[in-house]
Amino acid sequence: MICLRFLLLFSRQGKLRLQKWFTPVTEREKKKVIREMTLMVLARPPRSCNFLHWRDLKIVYKRYASLYFCCGLEDQDNELLTLEVLHRYVELLDKYFGNVCELDIIFNFEKAYFILDEFLMGGEILETSKTAVGIAMEEAETLQETMEEYMSKPTY
């Protein structure tokens, strides 16, 4: 069992693409954490370990193409399980977008957040099944299309 404190996605240039905070943090502290995480992770050599200790947290990160997926977790939490969680999130994104890339996250960030919310809640794994998350996404899209059709009809 793991309990994430935050999840950050940022590019190789240090641009933040997605952030999810599972514990209450002030805006000032969020900015500081984001800045420190991007600087620390981007400065590491490519073949170094994906685990770091920072303040009272463990930092687990993984690079997929041009994006870094970075998590902060409690000291007693399992780093390898966290890597699996990151990988599952990437698999879910891949399943939805078809080989996800940074532009998919930039232009469809609401879908990336929705997938994350279907997968994790409160920093803990909510749903492990890729199929179940996929069904939830399909249902949400159907509902959105129905609402768009309804809203586009003229009212008399």
N, C-alpha and C. Protein backbone atom coordinates (compact mmCIF):
# COMPACT_ATOMS: atom_id res chain seq x y z
N MET A 1 0.85 -1.18 0.00
CA MET A 1 0.00 0.00 0.00
C MET A 1 0.89 1.24 0.00
N ILE A 2 0.53 2.21 -0.82
CA ILE A 2 1.27 3.47 -0.84
C ILE A 2 0.29 4.62 -0.65
N CYS A 3 0.82 5.73 -0.22
CA CYS A 3 0.01 6.94 -0.08
C CYS A 3 0.84 8.10 -0.62
N LEU A 4 0.52 8.50 -1.83
CA LEU A 4 1.27 9.57 -2.48
C LEU A 4 0.93 10.92 -1.85
N ARG A 5 1.89 11.80 -1.81
CA ARG A 5 1.67 13.17 -1.37
C ARG A 5 1.39 14.07 -2.57
N PHE A 6 2.11 13.80 -3.69
CA PHE A 6 1.89 14.58 -4.90
C PHE A 6 2.36 13.79 -6.11
N LEU A 7 1.86 14.19 -7.27
CA LEU A 7 2.29 13.65 -8.55
C LEU A 7 2.51 14.83 -9.49
N LEU A 8 3.69 14.89 -10.08
CA LEU A 8 4.03 15.96 -11.01
C LEU A 8 4.45 15.36 -12.34
N LEU A 9 4.03 15.99 -13.42
CA LEU A 9 4.52 15.66 -14.75
C LEU A 9 5.18 16.90 -15.29
N PHE A 10 6.43 16.79 -15.71
CA PHE A 10 7.10 17.94 -16.29
C PHE A 10 7.98 17.48 -17.44
N SER A 11 8.26 18.42 -18.33
CA SER A 11 9.03 18.12 -19.53
C SER A 11 10.52 18.16 -19.23
N ARG A 12 11.32 17.75 -20.22
CA ARG A 12 12.78 17.80 -20.08
C ARG A 12 13.27 19.24 -19.96
N GLN A 13 12.46 20.20 -20.40
CA GLN A 13 12.81 21.62 -20.27
C GLN A 13 12.36 22.20 -18.94
N GLY A 14 11.72 21.39 -18.10
CA GLY A 14 11.29 21.84 -16.79
C GLY A 14 9.91 22.49 -16.77
N LYS A 15 9.14 22.34 -17.85
CA LYS A 15 7.78 22.92 -17.90
C LYS A 15 6.81 21.94 -17.24
N LEU A 16 6.06 22.45 -16.28
CA LEU A 16 5.08 21.63 -15.57
C LEU A 16 3.90 21.36 -16.50
N ARG A 17 3.52 20.11 -16.64
CA ARG A 17 2.41 19.73 -17.52
C ARG A 17 1.19 19.25 -16.74
N LEU A 18 1.39 18.71 -15.56
CA LEU A 18 0.28 18.23 -14.74
C LEU A 18 0.75 18.17 -13.30
N GLN A 19 -0.13 18.52 -12.38
CA GLN A 19 0.20 18.41 -10.96
C GLN A 19 -1.03 17.96 -10.20
N LYS A 20 -0.82 17.07 -9.27
CA LYS A 20 -1.90 16.59 -8.43
C LYS A 20 -1.37 16.50 -7.02
N TRP A 21 -2.03 17.19 -6.11
CA TRP A 21 -1.62 17.21 -4.70
C TRP A 21 -2.64 16.42 -3.90
N PHE A 22 -2.18 15.45 -3.15
CA PHE A 22 -3.06 14.59 -2.38
C PHE A 22 -3.13 14.98 -0.91
N THR A 23 -2.32 15.94 -0.52
CA THR A 23 -2.36 16.49 0.84
C THR A 23 -2.42 18.01 0.71
N PRO A 24 -3.02 18.68 1.67
CA PRO A 24 -3.12 20.14 1.58
C PRO A 24 -1.75 20.81 1.66
N VAL A 25 -1.48 21.67 0.69
CA VAL A 25 -0.21 22.39 0.62
C VAL A 25 -0.53 23.81 0.13
N THR A 26 0.13 24.79 0.69
CA THR A 26 -0.10 26.17 0.26
C THR A 26 0.45 26.39 -1.15
N GLU A 27 -0.06 27.40 -1.82
CA GLU A 27 0.41 27.70 -3.18
C GLU A 27 1.91 28.01 -3.19
N ARG A 28 2.35 28.72 -2.19
CA ARG A 28 3.77 29.06 -2.10
C ARG A 28 4.63 27.80 -1.96
N GLU A 29 4.19 26.88 -1.12
CA GLU A 29 4.92 25.63 -0.93
C GLU A 29 4.88 24.78 -2.20
N LYS A 30 3.73 24.77 -2.89
CA LYS A 30 3.63 24.01 -4.15
C LYS A 30 4.66 24.51 -5.16
N LYS A 31 4.75 25.82 -5.30
CA LYS A 31 5.72 26.39 -6.25
C LYS A 31 7.14 26.01 -5.88
N LYS A 32 7.42 26.03 -4.59
CA LYS A 32 8.76 25.68 -4.12
C LYS A 32 9.06 24.21 -4.39
N VAL A 33 8.11 23.33 -4.11
CA VAL A 33 8.29 21.90 -4.35
C VAL A 33 8.48 21.64 -5.84
N ILE A 34 7.66 22.24 -6.67
CA ILE A 34 7.75 22.05 -8.12
C ILE A 34 9.12 22.49 -8.62
N ARG A 35 9.56 23.65 -8.19
CA ARG A 35 10.86 24.17 -8.61
C ARG A 35 11.99 23.23 -8.18
N GLU A 36 11.95 22.80 -6.91
CA GLU A 36 13.01 21.93 -6.41
C GLU A 36 12.99 20.55 -7.07
N MET A 37 11.79 20.00 -7.31
CA MET A 37 11.69 18.69 -7.95
C MET A 37 12.23 18.73 -9.37
N THR A 38 11.84 19.73 -10.13
CA THR A 38 12.30 19.80 -11.52
C THR A 38 13.80 19.99 -11.57
N LEU A 39 14.35 20.87 -10.75
CA LEU A 39 15.80 21.08 -10.75
C LEU A 39 16.54 19.82 -10.32
N MET A 40 16.06 19.17 -9.29
CA MET A 40 16.74 18.00 -8.75
C MET A 40 16.69 16.82 -9.73
N VAL A 41 15.52 16.55 -10.28
CA VAL A 41 15.37 15.40 -11.18
C VAL A 41 16.07 15.64 -12.51
N LEU A 42 15.92 16.83 -13.07
CA LEU A 42 16.55 17.12 -14.37
C LEU A 42 18.07 17.13 -14.29
N ALA A 43 18.62 17.40 -13.13
CA ALA A 43 20.07 17.45 -12.97
C ALA A 43 20.70 16.07 -12.85
N ARG A 44 19.89 15.05 -12.66
CA ARG A 44 20.44 13.70 -12.45
C ARG A 44 20.87 13.07 -13.77
N PRO A 45 21.96 12.31 -13.73
CA PRO A 45 22.41 11.60 -14.94
C PRO A 45 21.35 10.58 -15.38
N PRO A 46 21.26 10.30 -16.68
CA PRO A 46 20.22 9.41 -17.21
C PRO A 46 20.18 8.02 -16.60
N ARG A 47 21.30 7.45 -16.25
CA ARG A 47 21.33 6.07 -15.75
C ARG A 47 21.36 5.97 -14.23
N SER A 48 21.02 7.04 -13.54
CA SER A 48 21.04 6.98 -12.07
C SER A 48 19.73 6.41 -11.54
N CYS A 49 19.74 6.10 -10.27
CA CYS A 49 18.60 5.51 -9.58
C CYS A 49 17.39 6.46 -9.65
N ASN A 50 16.20 5.89 -9.71
CA ASN A 50 14.97 6.67 -9.80
C ASN A 50 14.40 7.04 -8.44
N PHE A 51 15.14 6.84 -7.37
CA PHE A 51 14.68 7.13 -6.03
C PHE A 51 15.60 8.17 -5.39
N LEU A 52 14.99 9.11 -4.67
CA LEU A 52 15.73 10.14 -3.96
C LEU A 52 15.12 10.33 -2.58
N HIS A 53 15.90 10.86 -1.67
CA HIS A 53 15.36 11.32 -0.40
C HIS A 53 15.40 12.84 -0.42
N TRP A 54 14.30 13.44 -0.05
CA TRP A 54 14.18 14.89 -0.06
C TRP A 54 13.30 15.29 1.11
N ARG A 55 13.85 16.15 1.95
CA ARG A 55 13.17 16.53 3.21
C ARG A 55 12.80 15.25 3.94
N ASP A 56 11.51 15.10 4.26
CA ASP A 56 11.06 13.89 4.97
C ASP A 56 10.35 12.92 4.02
N LEU A 57 10.55 13.09 2.71
CA LEU A 57 9.85 12.27 1.72
C LEU A 57 10.81 11.45 0.88
N LYS A 58 10.26 10.41 0.28
CA LYS A 58 10.95 9.70 -0.79
C LYS A 58 10.41 10.27 -2.10
N ILE A 59 11.28 10.47 -3.05
CA ILE A 59 10.88 10.93 -4.37
C ILE A 59 11.14 9.78 -5.33
N VAL A 60 10.13 9.43 -6.09
CA VAL A 60 10.24 8.39 -7.10
C VAL A 60 9.87 9.04 -8.42
N TYR A 61 10.73 8.87 -9.43
CA TYR A 61 10.44 9.45 -10.73
C TYR A 61 10.79 8.47 -11.83
N LYS A 62 10.19 8.70 -12.98
CA LYS A 62 10.47 7.87 -14.15
C LYS A 62 10.27 8.73 -15.39
N ARG A 63 11.18 8.61 -16.33
CA ARG A 63 11.06 9.36 -17.58
C ARG A 63 10.44 8.49 -18.64
N TYR A 64 9.40 9.00 -19.28
CA TYR A 64 8.77 8.37 -20.43
C TYR A 64 8.82 9.38 -21.56
N ALA A 65 9.59 9.07 -22.61
CA ALA A 65 9.78 9.97 -23.76
C ALA A 65 10.26 11.32 -23.25
N SER A 66 9.49 12.39 -23.47
CA SER A 66 9.94 13.73 -23.07
C SER A 66 9.35 14.18 -21.74
N LEU A 67 8.64 13.30 -21.04
CA LEU A 67 8.01 13.67 -19.77
C LEU A 67 8.59 12.90 -18.60
N TYR A 68 8.74 13.61 -17.49
CA TYR A 68 9.11 13.00 -16.22
C TYR A 68 7.86 12.90 -15.36
N PHE A 69 7.62 11.72 -14.81
CA PHE A 69 6.54 11.48 -13.87
C PHE A 69 7.20 11.37 -12.50
N CYS A 70 6.82 12.24 -11.58
CA CYS A 70 7.52 12.36 -10.31
C CYS A 70 6.52 12.32 -9.15
N CYS A 71 6.79 11.47 -8.17
CA CYS A 71 5.90 11.32 -7.00
C CYS A 71 6.66 11.57 -5.71
N GLY A 72 5.97 12.15 -4.77
CA GLY A 72 6.47 12.26 -3.41
C GLY A 72 5.67 11.33 -2.54
N LEU A 73 6.34 10.54 -1.70
CA LEU A 73 5.63 9.61 -0.85
C LEU A 73 6.27 9.55 0.53
N GLU A 74 5.53 8.97 1.44
CA GLU A 74 6.00 8.83 2.82
C GLU A 74 7.22 7.93 2.87
N ASP A 75 8.02 8.10 3.91
CA ASP A 75 9.27 7.35 4.05
C ASP A 75 9.05 5.85 4.15
N GLN A 76 7.93 5.40 4.71
CA GLN A 76 7.69 3.96 4.86
C GLN A 76 7.06 3.32 3.63
N ASP A 77 6.69 4.10 2.61
CA ASP A 77 6.05 3.57 1.42
C ASP A 77 7.04 2.88 0.49
N ASN A 78 6.53 2.01 -0.36
CA ASN A 78 7.33 1.17 -1.23
C ASN A 78 7.65 1.88 -2.55
N GLU A 79 8.92 2.05 -2.84
CA GLU A 79 9.35 2.74 -4.06
C GLU A 79 9.03 1.95 -5.32
N LEU A 80 9.21 0.63 -5.27
CA LEU A 80 8.95 -0.20 -6.44
C LEU A 80 7.47 -0.22 -6.79
N LEU A 81 6.63 -0.25 -5.79
CA LEU A 81 5.19 -0.18 -6.04
C LEU A 81 4.83 1.18 -6.65
N THR A 82 5.49 2.22 -6.22
CA THR A 82 5.25 3.55 -6.77
C THR A 82 5.65 3.61 -8.25
N LEU A 83 6.77 2.97 -8.59
CA LEU A 83 7.15 2.88 -10.01
C LEU A 83 6.08 2.15 -10.81
N GLU A 84 5.50 1.12 -10.23
CA GLU A 84 4.41 0.40 -10.90
C GLU A 84 3.18 1.29 -11.08
N VAL A 85 2.89 2.10 -10.08
CA VAL A 85 1.76 3.03 -10.17
C VAL A 85 1.99 4.03 -11.30
N LEU A 86 3.19 4.58 -11.38
CA LEU A 86 3.52 5.50 -12.47
C LEU A 86 3.39 4.82 -13.82
N HIS A 87 3.89 3.59 -13.90
CA HIS A 87 3.82 2.86 -15.16
C HIS A 87 2.37 2.57 -15.55
N ARG A 88 1.54 2.22 -14.57
CA ARG A 88 0.12 1.96 -14.86
C ARG A 88 -0.57 3.22 -15.36
N TYR A 89 -0.24 4.36 -14.78
CA TYR A 89 -0.83 5.62 -15.25
C TYR A 89 -0.43 5.89 -16.70
N VAL A 90 0.83 5.63 -17.03
CA VAL A 90 1.29 5.81 -18.41
C VAL A 90 0.56 4.83 -19.33
N GLU A 91 0.37 3.60 -18.88
CA GLU A 91 -0.39 2.63 -19.68
C GLU A 91 -1.82 3.10 -19.92
N LEU A 92 -2.44 3.66 -18.89
CA LEU A 92 -3.81 4.17 -19.05
C LEU A 92 -3.85 5.33 -20.04
N LEU A 93 -2.86 6.22 -19.94
CA LEU A 93 -2.78 7.33 -20.89
C LEU A 93 -2.55 6.81 -22.31
N ASP A 94 -1.67 5.82 -22.44
CA ASP A 94 -1.40 5.22 -23.75
C ASP A 94 -2.66 4.58 -24.33
N LYS A 95 -3.40 3.89 -23.49
CA LYS A 95 -4.62 3.23 -23.96
C LYS A 95 -5.63 4.26 -24.46
N TYR A 96 -5.74 5.37 -23.76
CA TYR A 96 -6.72 6.38 -24.16
C TYR A 96 -6.25 7.17 -25.38
N PHE A 97 -5.01 7.66 -25.34
CA PHE A 97 -4.51 8.53 -26.41
C PHE A 97 -3.86 7.76 -27.56
N GLY A 98 -3.50 6.52 -27.33
CA GLY A 98 -2.78 5.77 -28.34
C GLY A 98 -1.36 6.29 -28.43
N ASN A 99 -0.47 5.75 -27.63
CA ASN A 99 0.92 6.20 -27.55
C ASN A 99 0.99 7.68 -27.15
N VAL A 100 0.68 7.95 -25.92
CA VAL A 100 0.59 9.31 -25.39
C VAL A 100 1.90 10.07 -25.58
N CYS A 101 1.77 11.36 -25.85
CA CYS A 101 2.94 12.24 -25.95
C CYS A 101 2.66 13.52 -25.16
N GLU A 102 3.67 14.33 -25.06
CA GLU A 102 3.54 15.57 -24.28
C GLU A 102 2.42 16.46 -24.80
N LEU A 103 2.24 16.52 -26.11
CA LEU A 103 1.18 17.36 -26.68
C LEU A 103 -0.21 16.86 -26.29
N ASP A 104 -0.37 15.55 -26.14
CA ASP A 104 -1.66 15.03 -25.68
C ASP A 104 -1.99 15.56 -24.30
N ILE A 105 -1.00 15.61 -23.43
CA ILE A 105 -1.20 16.13 -22.07
C ILE A 105 -1.49 17.63 -22.12
N ILE A 106 -0.76 18.35 -22.96
CA ILE A 106 -0.94 19.81 -23.04
C ILE A 106 -2.33 20.16 -23.53
N PHE A 107 -2.77 19.53 -24.62
CA PHE A 107 -4.04 19.92 -25.24
C PHE A 107 -5.25 19.18 -24.70
N ASN A 108 -5.03 18.12 -23.94
CA ASN A 108 -6.14 17.36 -23.35
C ASN A 108 -5.90 17.12 -21.87
N PHE A 109 -5.44 18.16 -21.18
CA PHE A 109 -5.08 17.99 -19.77
C PHE A 109 -6.27 17.54 -18.93
N GLU A 110 -7.49 17.96 -19.30
CA GLU A 110 -8.66 17.56 -18.52
C GLU A 110 -8.88 16.05 -18.60
N LYS A 111 -8.57 15.44 -19.74
CA LYS A 111 -8.68 13.98 -19.88
C LYS A 111 -7.60 13.29 -19.04
N ALA A 112 -6.39 13.85 -19.05
CA ALA A 112 -5.30 13.28 -18.25
C ALA A 112 -5.65 13.33 -16.76
N TYR A 113 -6.26 14.44 -16.31
CA TYR A 113 -6.69 14.54 -14.92
C TYR A 113 -7.82 13.55 -14.63
N PHE A 114 -8.74 13.42 -15.57
CA PHE A 114 -9.87 12.50 -15.37
C PHE A 114 -9.36 11.06 -15.22
N ILE A 115 -8.43 10.66 -16.09
CA ILE A 115 -7.86 9.32 -16.01
C ILE A 115 -7.17 9.13 -14.66
N LEU A 116 -6.42 10.14 -14.24
CA LEU A 116 -5.73 10.07 -12.95
C LEU A 116 -6.73 9.94 -11.80
N ASP A 117 -7.83 10.70 -11.87
CA ASP A 117 -8.85 10.64 -10.82
C ASP A 117 -9.59 9.30 -10.80
N GLU A 118 -9.69 8.64 -11.94
CA GLU A 118 -10.30 7.31 -11.98
C GLU A 118 -9.36 6.24 -11.42
N PHE A 119 -8.07 6.52 -11.47
CA PHE A 119 -7.05 5.57 -11.07
C PHE A 119 -6.63 5.76 -9.61
N LEU A 120 -6.42 7.00 -9.20
CA LEU A 120 -5.97 7.31 -7.83
C LEU A 120 -6.97 8.22 -7.13
N MET A 121 -7.13 8.00 -5.84
CA MET A 121 -7.96 8.89 -5.04
C MET A 121 -7.28 9.09 -3.70
N GLY A 122 -7.08 10.33 -3.34
CA GLY A 122 -6.44 10.62 -2.06
C GLY A 122 -5.03 10.08 -1.96
N GLY A 123 -4.38 9.89 -3.11
CA GLY A 123 -3.01 9.39 -3.12
C GLY A 123 -2.91 7.88 -3.05
N GLU A 124 -4.04 7.18 -3.05
CA GLU A 124 -4.05 5.73 -3.00
C GLU A 124 -4.70 5.16 -4.25
N ILE A 125 -4.33 3.95 -4.59
CA ILE A 125 -4.87 3.31 -5.79
C ILE A 125 -6.36 3.05 -5.59
N LEU A 126 -7.15 3.57 -6.53
CA LEU A 126 -8.59 3.38 -6.48
C LEU A 126 -9.00 2.21 -7.37
N GLU A 127 -8.44 2.15 -8.56
CA GLU A 127 -8.81 1.13 -9.54
C GLU A 127 -7.57 0.63 -10.26
N THR A 128 -7.32 -0.67 -10.21
CA THR A 128 -6.14 -1.23 -10.87
C THR A 128 -6.43 -1.71 -12.28
N SER A 129 -7.69 -1.90 -12.61
CA SER A 129 -8.06 -2.45 -13.90
C SER A 129 -8.04 -1.39 -15.00
N LYS A 130 -7.22 -1.62 -16.03
CA LYS A 130 -7.20 -0.71 -17.18
C LYS A 130 -8.55 -0.72 -17.88
N THR A 131 -9.20 -1.88 -17.90
CA THR A 131 -10.50 -2.00 -18.55
C THR A 131 -11.54 -1.15 -17.83
N ALA A 132 -11.57 -1.21 -16.51
CA ALA A 132 -12.55 -0.43 -15.74
C ALA A 132 -12.34 1.06 -15.94
N VAL A 133 -11.10 1.51 -15.95
CA VAL A 133 -10.81 2.94 -16.18
C VAL A 133 -11.22 3.31 -17.60
N GLY A 134 -10.95 2.42 -18.56
CA GLY A 134 -11.35 2.67 -19.95
C GLY A 134 -12.85 2.79 -20.09
N ILE A 135 -13.60 1.94 -19.41
CA ILE A 135 -15.07 2.01 -19.45
C ILE A 135 -15.55 3.32 -18.86
N ALA A 136 -14.95 3.75 -17.75
CA ALA A 136 -15.32 5.03 -17.14
C ALA A 136 -15.06 6.19 -18.10
N MET A 137 -13.96 6.13 -18.83
CA MET A 137 -13.65 7.17 -19.81
C MET A 137 -14.67 7.17 -20.94
N GLU A 138 -15.02 5.99 -21.44
CA GLU A 138 -16.02 5.90 -22.51
C GLU A 138 -17.37 6.45 -22.05
N GLU A 139 -17.77 6.11 -20.84
CA GLU A 139 -19.03 6.61 -20.30
C GLU A 139 -19.01 8.13 -20.16
N ALA A 140 -17.89 8.66 -19.70
CA ALA A 140 -17.78 10.12 -19.55
C ALA A 140 -17.85 10.81 -20.91
N GLU A 141 -17.21 10.22 -21.92
CA GLU A 141 -17.26 10.81 -23.26
C GLU A 141 -18.66 10.75 -23.84
N THR A 142 -19.35 9.64 -23.63
CA THR A 142 -20.73 9.51 -24.11
C THR A 142 -21.61 10.56 -23.45
N LEU A 143 -21.45 10.74 -22.16
CA LEU A 143 -22.22 11.74 -21.44
C LEU A 143 -21.91 13.14 -21.96
N GLN A 144 -20.64 13.43 -22.21
CA GLN A 144 -20.25 14.74 -22.72
C GLN A 144 -20.85 14.98 -24.11
N GLU A 145 -20.81 13.97 -24.98
CA GLU A 145 -21.38 14.11 -26.32
C GLU A 145 -22.88 14.34 -26.25
N THR A 146 -23.56 13.60 -25.35
CA THR A 146 -25.01 13.77 -25.18
C THR A 146 -25.33 15.18 -24.71
N MET A 147 -24.53 15.69 -23.76
CA MET A 147 -24.76 17.05 -23.27
C MET A 147 -24.50 18.09 -24.36
N GLU A 148 -23.47 17.88 -25.17
CA GLU A 148 -23.18 18.81 -26.26
C GLU A 148 -24.31 18.83 -27.28
N GLU A 149 -24.86 17.64 -27.60
CA GLU A 149 -26.00 17.57 -28.52
C GLU A 149 -27.21 18.29 -27.94
N TYR A 150 -27.47 18.04 -26.68
CA TYR A 150 -28.60 18.67 -26.00
C TYR A 150 -28.45 20.18 -25.98
N MET A 151 -27.25 20.66 -25.68
CA MET A 151 -27.02 22.10 -25.57
C MET A 151 -27.03 22.79 -26.94
N SER A 152 -26.74 22.04 -28.01
CA SER A 152 -26.71 22.64 -29.34
C SER A 152 -28.10 22.75 -29.97
N LYS A 153 -29.09 22.06 -29.42
CA LYS A 153 -30.45 22.14 -29.97
C LYS A 153 -31.07 23.48 -29.57
N PRO A 154 -31.74 24.10 -30.53
CA PRO A 154 -32.37 25.39 -30.20
C PRO A 154 -33.57 25.20 -29.26
N THR A 155 -33.76 26.15 -28.40
CA THR A 155 -34.92 26.12 -27.50
C THR A 155 -35.93 27.14 -27.98
N TYR A 156 -37.18 26.73 -27.98
CA TYR A 156 -38.25 27.62 -28.48
C TYR A 156 -39.15 28.07 -27.38
